[in-house]
Protein backbone atom coordinates (compact mmCIF):
# COMPACT_ATOMS: atom_id res chain seq x y z
CA UNK A 1 77.33 42.12 2.27
CA UNK A 2 76.92 38.52 3.37
CA UNK A 3 79.67 35.98 3.44
CA UNK A 4 80.63 34.56 -0.04
CA UNK A 5 79.41 31.05 -0.93
CA UNK A 6 81.04 28.62 -3.38
CA UNK A 7 78.21 26.83 -5.24
CA UNK A 8 79.14 23.37 -6.58
CA UNK A 9 77.04 21.73 -9.21
CA UNK A 10 78.14 18.19 -10.04
CA UNK A 11 76.07 14.97 -10.56
CA UNK A 12 78.96 12.83 -9.20
CA UNK A 13 78.38 12.95 -5.42
CA UNK A 14 81.85 11.65 -4.68
CA UNK A 15 83.36 14.55 -6.65
CA UNK A 16 80.98 17.02 -5.04
CA UNK A 17 81.94 15.80 -1.56
CA UNK A 18 85.61 16.01 -2.38
CA UNK A 19 85.23 19.53 -3.66
CA UNK A 20 83.17 20.56 -0.59
CA UNK A 21 85.91 19.13 1.73
CA UNK A 22 88.64 20.98 -0.16
CA UNK A 23 86.84 24.33 -0.28
CA UNK A 24 85.66 24.13 3.36
CA UNK A 25 89.32 23.43 4.39
CA UNK A 26 90.06 27.11 3.59
CA UNK A 27 86.98 28.17 5.59
CA UNK A 28 84.77 29.10 2.63
CA UNK A 29 81.06 28.49 2.77
CA UNK A 30 79.85 25.75 0.35
CA UNK A 31 76.50 24.70 -1.08
CA UNK A 32 76.28 21.58 -3.33
CA UNK A 33 73.73 20.68 -5.93
CA UNK A 34 73.47 17.42 -7.83
CA UNK A 35 71.92 18.97 -10.98
CA UNK A 36 71.61 22.23 -12.87
CA UNK A 37 67.96 22.35 -12.28
CA UNK A 38 68.34 21.85 -8.59
CA UNK A 39 70.80 24.79 -8.57
CA UNK A 40 68.35 26.97 -10.50
CA UNK A 41 65.60 26.03 -8.08
CA UNK A 42 67.66 26.82 -5.00
CA UNK A 43 70.00 29.63 -6.01
CA UNK A 44 69.46 33.21 -4.77
CA UNK A 45 71.29 35.77 -6.94
CA UNK A 46 71.59 38.15 -3.96
CA UNK A 47 74.15 35.71 -2.46
CA UNK A 48 77.78 36.68 -3.33
CA UNK A 49 80.27 34.07 -4.33
CA UNK A 50 81.06 31.84 -7.38
CA UNK A 51 79.86 28.70 -9.13
CA UNK A 52 82.00 25.62 -9.65
CA UNK A 53 80.24 23.74 -12.46
CA UNK A 54 80.77 20.44 -14.13
CA UNK A 55 80.49 20.63 -17.98
CA UNK A 56 78.98 17.25 -18.60
CA UNK A 57 75.82 16.35 -16.57
CA UNK A 58 72.72 14.38 -17.51
CA UNK A 59 69.74 16.52 -18.39
CA UNK A 60 70.78 20.17 -18.38
CA UNK A 61 74.53 20.44 -18.97
CA UNK A 62 76.84 22.95 -17.48
CA UNK A 63 76.81 24.88 -20.74
CA UNK A 64 73.00 24.85 -20.75
CA UNK A 65 73.00 26.20 -17.25
CA UNK A 66 75.36 29.01 -18.21
CA UNK A 67 72.92 29.98 -21.03
CA UNK A 68 69.98 29.92 -18.67
CA UNK A 69 71.80 32.15 -16.14
CA UNK A 70 72.87 34.57 -18.95
CA UNK A 71 69.18 34.71 -20.15
CA UNK A 72 68.14 35.56 -16.60
CA UNK A 73 70.92 38.14 -16.32
CA UNK A 74 72.42 36.31 -13.37
CA UNK A 75 76.10 37.28 -13.28
CA UNK A 76 77.58 34.74 -10.87
CA UNK A 77 81.21 33.96 -11.91
CA UNK A 78 81.41 30.42 -13.29
CA UNK A 79 84.44 28.14 -13.00
CA UNK A 80 83.92 25.10 -15.27
CA UNK A 81 85.42 21.72 -14.26
CA UNK A 82 86.29 19.86 -17.48
CA UNK A 83 87.62 16.53 -18.61
CA UNK A 84 90.30 16.44 -21.28
CA UNK A 85 87.83 16.02 -24.10
CA UNK A 86 85.78 19.04 -22.95
CA UNK A 87 88.50 21.66 -23.27
CA UNK A 88 87.14 23.12 -26.54
CA UNK A 89 83.70 23.34 -24.91
CA UNK A 90 85.24 25.04 -21.89
CA UNK A 91 87.05 27.62 -24.10
CA UNK A 92 83.70 28.43 -25.80
CA UNK A 93 82.14 28.71 -22.35
CA UNK A 94 84.79 31.25 -21.33
CA UNK A 95 84.26 33.14 -24.57
CA UNK A 96 80.56 33.24 -23.58
CA UNK A 97 81.31 34.82 -20.28
CA UNK A 98 82.54 32.04 -17.91
CA UNK A 99 85.14 33.22 -15.45
CA UNK A 100 87.57 30.26 -15.87
CA UNK A 101 87.89 26.56 -16.38
CA UNK A 102 89.95 23.91 -14.67
CA UNK A 103 90.88 20.66 -16.41
CA UNK A 104 90.75 17.33 -14.56
CA UNK A 105 92.82 16.14 -12.85
CA UNK A 106 93.29 19.53 -11.25
CA UNK A 107 95.71 20.78 -8.61
CA UNK A 108 93.86 21.57 -5.41
CA UNK A 109 95.71 24.85 -4.73
CA UNK A 110 95.25 25.99 -8.31
CA UNK A 111 91.51 25.44 -8.03
CA UNK A 112 91.37 27.28 -4.69
CA UNK A 113 93.36 30.22 -6.10
CA UNK A 114 90.92 30.48 -9.03
CA UNK A 115 87.95 30.34 -6.63
CA UNK A 116 89.45 33.12 -4.51
CA UNK A 117 89.94 35.24 -7.67
CA UNK A 118 86.32 34.65 -8.74
CA UNK A 119 85.05 35.65 -5.32
CA UNK A 120 87.08 38.92 -5.46
CA UNK A 121 85.82 39.53 -8.96
CA UNK A 122 82.19 39.03 -7.84
CA UNK A 123 82.62 41.31 -4.84
CA UNK A 124 83.96 44.13 -7.04
CA UNK A 125 81.18 43.70 -9.58
CA UNK A 126 78.51 43.80 -6.84
CA UNK A 127 80.12 46.91 -5.32
CA UNK A 128 80.20 48.61 -8.73
CA UNK A 129 76.52 47.68 -9.35
CA UNK A 130 75.56 49.11 -5.94
CA UNK A 131 77.44 52.37 -6.73
CA UNK A 132 75.72 52.57 -10.06
CA UNK A 133 72.24 52.22 -8.49
CA UNK A 134 73.09 54.81 -5.82
CA UNK A 135 74.34 57.25 -8.44
CA UNK A 136 71.21 56.73 -10.56
CA UNK A 137 69.04 57.52 -7.54
CA UNK A 138 71.04 60.73 -6.82
CA UNK A 139 70.46 61.93 -10.44
CA UNK A 140 66.79 60.95 -10.21
CA UNK A 141 66.43 63.22 -7.08
CA UNK A 142 67.23 66.30 -9.17
CA UNK A 143 64.39 68.47 -10.56
CA UNK A 144 64.43 69.10 -14.37
CA UNK A 145 65.80 72.63 -13.75
CA UNK A 146 68.50 71.33 -11.36
CA UNK A 147 69.50 68.76 -14.05
CA UNK A 148 69.79 71.58 -16.61
CA UNK A 149 72.02 73.52 -14.27
CA UNK A 150 74.12 70.44 -13.53
CA UNK A 151 74.65 69.77 -17.22
CA UNK A 152 75.83 73.35 -17.83
CA UNK A 153 78.11 73.27 -14.80
CA UNK A 154 79.65 70.05 -16.12
CA UNK A 155 80.28 71.80 -19.37
CA UNK A 156 82.36 74.35 -17.52
CA UNK A 157 80.01 77.31 -17.76
CA UNK A 158 80.04 80.07 -15.15
CA UNK A 159 76.98 81.02 -13.09
CA UNK A 160 76.54 84.15 -15.16
CA UNK A 161 76.73 82.13 -18.45
CA UNK A 162 74.31 79.59 -17.14
CA UNK A 163 71.90 82.35 -16.07
CA UNK A 164 72.02 83.87 -19.52
CA UNK A 165 71.51 80.42 -21.13
CA UNK A 166 68.52 79.57 -19.08
CA UNK A 167 66.99 83.05 -18.70
CA UNK A 168 67.48 83.06 -14.90
CA UNK A 169 69.10 85.45 -12.51
CA UNK A 170 72.58 84.67 -11.32
CA UNK A 171 71.27 84.41 -7.78
CA UNK A 172 68.70 81.79 -8.81
CA UNK A 173 71.47 79.75 -10.54
CA UNK A 174 73.57 79.97 -7.39
CA UNK A 175 70.59 78.55 -5.40
CA UNK A 176 70.03 75.70 -7.93
CA UNK A 177 73.74 74.96 -8.02
CA UNK A 178 73.99 74.72 -4.28
CA UNK A 179 70.99 72.38 -4.24
CA UNK A 180 72.61 70.21 -6.93
CA UNK A 181 75.83 70.00 -4.91
CA UNK A 182 73.91 69.04 -1.78
CA UNK A 183 71.65 66.37 -3.44
CA UNK A 184 74.59 64.80 -5.33
CA UNK A 185 76.81 64.83 -2.18
CA UNK A 186 79.46 66.48 -4.25
CA UNK A 187 82.32 68.39 -2.57
CA UNK A 188 83.50 70.13 -5.81
CA UNK A 189 82.71 70.66 -9.46
CA UNK A 190 85.29 67.99 -10.21
CA UNK A 191 83.08 65.56 -8.21
CA UNK A 192 80.07 66.48 -10.32
CA UNK A 193 82.03 66.02 -13.57
CA UNK A 194 83.19 62.53 -12.45
CA UNK A 195 79.59 61.53 -11.54
CA UNK A 196 78.22 62.80 -14.82
CA UNK A 197 80.83 60.86 -16.82
CA UNK A 198 80.20 57.72 -14.80
CA UNK A 199 76.52 58.06 -15.33
CA UNK A 200 76.91 58.40 -19.02
CA UNK A 201 79.28 55.40 -19.18
CA UNK A 202 76.76 53.21 -17.21
């Protein structure tokens, strides 16, 4: 995975420069944008990291940008920077899925701590998504018959019971079962059960 980036969106260039200096002081990569639209035009969702976003901006506001990202199913963690009068808005933004909000004037270390937490959150989410995709591809590699055998193994049925249920010989079930274990990269039946549960949850 590539190095995480902190994306700053603020129309006040002095604030953006100050934030860039602060965040780069702890050796994090930073990209700044002067408007929500500029961010939308330049952002690549494959890049890990988090978004530090001003609530009030001319044109598309921070809340508007949050809605746009949600509509596009872009899950970058958002930390809103808010003035005192924007706290209710920020609370609504968090209820709508924002990661956090920081009220001006903010403590530098507090902001950096929240950014680090957002980056860790994003890394975990991306890792989970990758695992989900990989698990889905493993299940997709099974033939319909292998999937039937897998489902019955997960239910705790013996080879003999599976053979009777599917009208197969016990030897054929053994072959299918071995193939399922190989394709799913499972070391035990317990592994198969965990994978099946995880697949159902996802």
